[in-house]
Amino acid sequence: MERKDLASYASKSSQSKGRRYVEEFKDDRPAFERDRDRIIHCAAFRRLMY
């Protein structure tokens, strides 16, 4: 399920090669949105801010 408000040049998860390891998800967010949240909330990324 892709969001309809993405720009025409946006990377779509339906056009990706998929994931290396299969994961079960309990929500219906796109994979890119889930990955973005993982990066933003990880400790290594937060350390880059300082």
Protein backbone atom coordinates (compact mmCIF):
# COMPACT_ATOMS: atom_id res chain seq x y z
CA MET A 1 0.00 0.00 0.00
CA GLU A 2 1.69 3.19 -1.17
CA ARG A 3 0.72 6.63 -0.03
CA LYS A 4 -1.01 8.67 -2.71
CA ASP A 5 0.58 11.95 -1.63
CA LEU A 6 4.15 10.93 -2.60
CA ALA A 7 5.86 12.90 -5.34
CA SER A 8 6.14 11.32 -8.77
CA TYR A 9 9.94 11.03 -8.31
CA ALA A 10 9.71 9.38 -4.86
CA SER A 11 11.16 5.92 -4.29
CA LYS A 12 8.27 3.50 -3.98
CA SER A 13 8.56 0.38 -1.86
CA SER A 14 6.62 -1.57 -4.49
CA GLN A 15 9.51 -0.93 -6.91
CA SER A 16 12.25 -2.05 -4.51
CA LYS A 17 14.02 -5.40 -4.50
CA GLY A 18 12.46 -6.20 -1.14
CA ARG A 19 14.11 -7.14 2.12
CA ARG A 20 17.00 -9.49 2.67
CA TYR A 21 15.31 -11.03 5.74
CA VAL A 22 11.56 -11.53 6.00
CA GLU A 23 9.92 -9.63 8.87
CA GLU A 24 6.37 -9.75 10.23
CA PHE A 25 4.77 -6.32 10.70
CA LYS A 26 1.70 -5.51 12.75
CA ASP A 27 0.93 -2.18 11.09
CA ASP A 28 0.29 -1.15 7.52
CA ARG A 29 3.02 1.48 7.13
CA PRO A 30 5.27 1.31 4.05
CA ALA A 31 8.69 -0.27 4.56
CA PHE A 32 10.51 3.04 3.91
CA GLU A 33 8.52 4.77 6.64
CA ARG A 34 9.31 1.98 9.09
CA ASP A 35 13.02 2.09 8.19
CA ARG A 36 13.11 5.87 8.59
CA ASP A 37 11.70 5.55 12.10
CA ARG A 38 14.28 2.89 12.98
CA ILE A 39 17.11 5.18 11.88
CA ILE A 40 15.78 8.30 13.60
CA HIS A 41 15.22 6.53 16.92
CA CYS A 42 18.46 4.50 17.08
CA ALA A 43 21.17 5.57 19.52
CA ALA A 44 23.86 5.90 16.84
CA PHE A 45 21.84 8.47 14.90
CA ARG A 46 21.07 10.45 18.06
CA ARG A 47 24.79 10.59 18.88
CA LEU A 48 25.43 12.28 15.51
CA MET A 49 23.41 15.30 16.63
CA TYR A 50 26.04 16.36 19.20
